[in-house]
């Protein structure tokens, strides 16, 4: 159970590193615009907002990595950052795109469930 919890937590961290790259570096590029359904004009207008959002995703990834590297002592860190991932995903789904629920909140919730179950 602990291996599955660590693997899924690592996957969530990697997803957030991917989000960082998309939002900070690829937002105005063809791939980034295609992922987010943006016109070149809208991408350019929102570039600084996306970079800020990408930075926050990087902090989530760093926090999850910290929790993983701390081993059993990182339980509280993982719970905190996975909870942040879930809250951000639910908020994003409610305010931006329902797809965020499935891409961010659900993997975070599954990882959190495994982390908590492995603690028992």
Protein backbone atom coordinates (compact mmCIF):
# COMPACT_ATOMS: atom_id res chain seq x y z
CA UNK A 1 0.00 0.00 0.00
CA UNK A 2 2.85 2.39 0.82
CA UNK A 3 4.47 1.80 -2.57
CA UNK A 4 1.19 2.55 -4.36
CA UNK A 5 0.69 5.68 -2.24
CA UNK A 6 4.22 6.90 -3.01
CA UNK A 7 3.85 6.10 -6.72
CA UNK A 8 0.56 7.96 -7.06
CA UNK A 9 1.87 10.91 -5.03
CA UNK A 10 4.91 11.03 -7.33
CA UNK A 11 2.60 10.96 -10.35
CA UNK A 12 0.63 13.92 -8.96
CA UNK A 13 3.92 15.78 -8.40
CA UNK A 14 4.99 15.04 -11.99
CA UNK A 15 1.62 16.23 -13.28
CA UNK A 16 2.16 19.53 -11.49
CA UNK A 17 5.64 19.86 -12.97
CA UNK A 18 4.01 19.33 -16.37
CA UNK A 19 1.44 22.04 -15.55
CA UNK A 20 4.32 24.35 -14.56
CA UNK A 21 6.02 23.82 -17.93
CA UNK A 22 2.75 24.30 -19.83
CA UNK A 23 1.82 27.49 -18.01
CA UNK A 24 5.22 29.11 -17.60
CA UNK A 25 6.97 28.17 -20.83
CA UNK A 26 4.49 26.84 -23.39
CA UNK A 27 1.44 29.07 -22.81
CA UNK A 28 1.94 31.15 -25.96
CA UNK A 29 3.45 28.35 -28.05
CA UNK A 30 1.26 26.29 -30.42
CA UNK A 31 1.20 23.25 -28.10
CA UNK A 32 0.24 25.28 -25.03
CA UNK A 33 -2.42 27.22 -26.91
CA UNK A 34 -3.86 23.96 -28.23
CA UNK A 35 -3.97 22.38 -24.75
CA UNK A 36 -5.80 25.38 -23.29
CA UNK A 37 -7.82 26.29 -26.38
CA UNK A 38 -6.36 29.80 -26.66
CA UNK A 39 -5.99 32.16 -29.56
CA UNK A 40 -2.54 33.72 -29.96
CA UNK A 41 -3.97 37.06 -28.82
CA UNK A 42 -5.62 35.68 -25.68
CA UNK A 43 -2.51 33.66 -24.81
CA UNK A 44 -0.34 36.78 -25.05
CA UNK A 45 -2.79 38.83 -22.94
CA UNK A 46 -2.93 36.19 -20.19
CA UNK A 47 0.73 35.12 -20.27
CA UNK A 48 1.72 36.71 -16.94
CA UNK A 49 -1.31 35.20 -15.18
CA UNK A 50 -0.44 31.78 -16.55
CA UNK A 51 3.18 32.12 -15.42
CA UNK A 52 2.00 32.93 -11.90
CA UNK A 53 -0.30 29.93 -11.95
CA UNK A 54 2.53 27.73 -13.21
CA UNK A 55 4.74 28.86 -10.36
CA UNK A 56 2.08 27.79 -7.85
CA UNK A 57 1.89 24.39 -9.54
CA UNK A 58 5.65 24.15 -9.11
CA UNK A 59 5.28 24.81 -5.39
CA UNK A 60 2.72 22.00 -5.17
CA UNK A 61 5.14 19.64 -6.95
CA UNK A 62 7.99 20.71 -4.65
CA UNK A 63 5.87 20.13 -1.56
CA UNK A 64 4.88 16.66 -2.72
CA UNK A 65 8.51 15.83 -3.50
CA UNK A 66 9.47 17.05 -0.03
CA UNK A 67 6.85 14.78 1.52
CA UNK A 68 8.08 11.82 -0.52
CA UNK A 69 11.74 12.42 0.31
CA UNK A 70 10.92 12.66 4.02
CA UNK A 71 9.67 9.06 3.96
CA UNK A 72 7.34 8.11 6.83
CA UNK A 73 8.04 11.46 8.50
CA UNK A 74 6.57 13.21 5.44
CA UNK A 75 3.02 11.99 6.08
CA UNK A 76 1.68 15.37 7.25
CA UNK A 77 3.48 17.18 4.41
CA UNK A 78 1.93 14.85 1.82
CA UNK A 79 -1.53 15.20 3.36
CA UNK A 80 -1.23 18.99 3.33
CA UNK A 81 -0.01 19.32 -0.26
CA UNK A 82 -2.38 16.68 -1.64
CA UNK A 83 -5.23 18.53 0.11
CA UNK A 84 -4.05 21.75 -1.58
CA UNK A 85 -4.04 19.94 -4.94
CA UNK A 86 -7.60 18.73 -4.40
CA UNK A 87 -8.88 22.15 -3.30
CA UNK A 88 -7.19 23.84 -6.27
CA UNK A 89 -8.63 21.22 -8.61
CA UNK A 90 -12.17 21.60 -7.30
CA UNK A 91 -11.90 25.39 -7.47
CA UNK A 92 -10.49 25.23 -11.00
CA UNK A 93 -13.29 22.90 -12.07
CA UNK A 94 -15.89 25.26 -10.63
CA UNK A 95 -14.40 28.43 -12.10
CA UNK A 96 -12.45 27.51 -15.25
CA UNK A 97 -13.00 24.04 -16.72
CA UNK A 98 -14.68 20.88 -15.47
CA UNK A 99 -11.76 18.95 -17.00
CA UNK A 100 -9.55 20.18 -14.12
CA UNK A 101 -11.57 18.04 -11.72
CA UNK A 102 -10.47 14.88 -13.55
CA UNK A 103 -6.91 15.94 -14.36
CA UNK A 104 -5.99 17.44 -10.97
CA UNK A 105 -8.50 16.84 -8.17
CA UNK A 106 -9.26 13.15 -8.78
CA UNK A 107 -5.60 12.01 -8.95
CA UNK A 108 -4.91 14.11 -5.84
CA UNK A 109 -7.86 12.56 -4.01
CA UNK A 110 -6.80 9.03 -4.96
CA UNK A 111 -3.25 9.71 -3.82
CA UNK A 112 -4.51 11.21 -0.55
CA UNK A 113 -6.73 8.18 0.06
CA UNK A 114 -3.77 5.84 -0.47
CA UNK A 115 -1.47 7.95 1.71
CA UNK A 116 -4.03 7.91 4.53
CA UNK A 117 -4.79 4.19 4.10
CA UNK A 118 -1.09 3.32 4.17
CA UNK A 119 -0.70 5.10 7.49
CA UNK A 120 -3.17 2.82 9.27
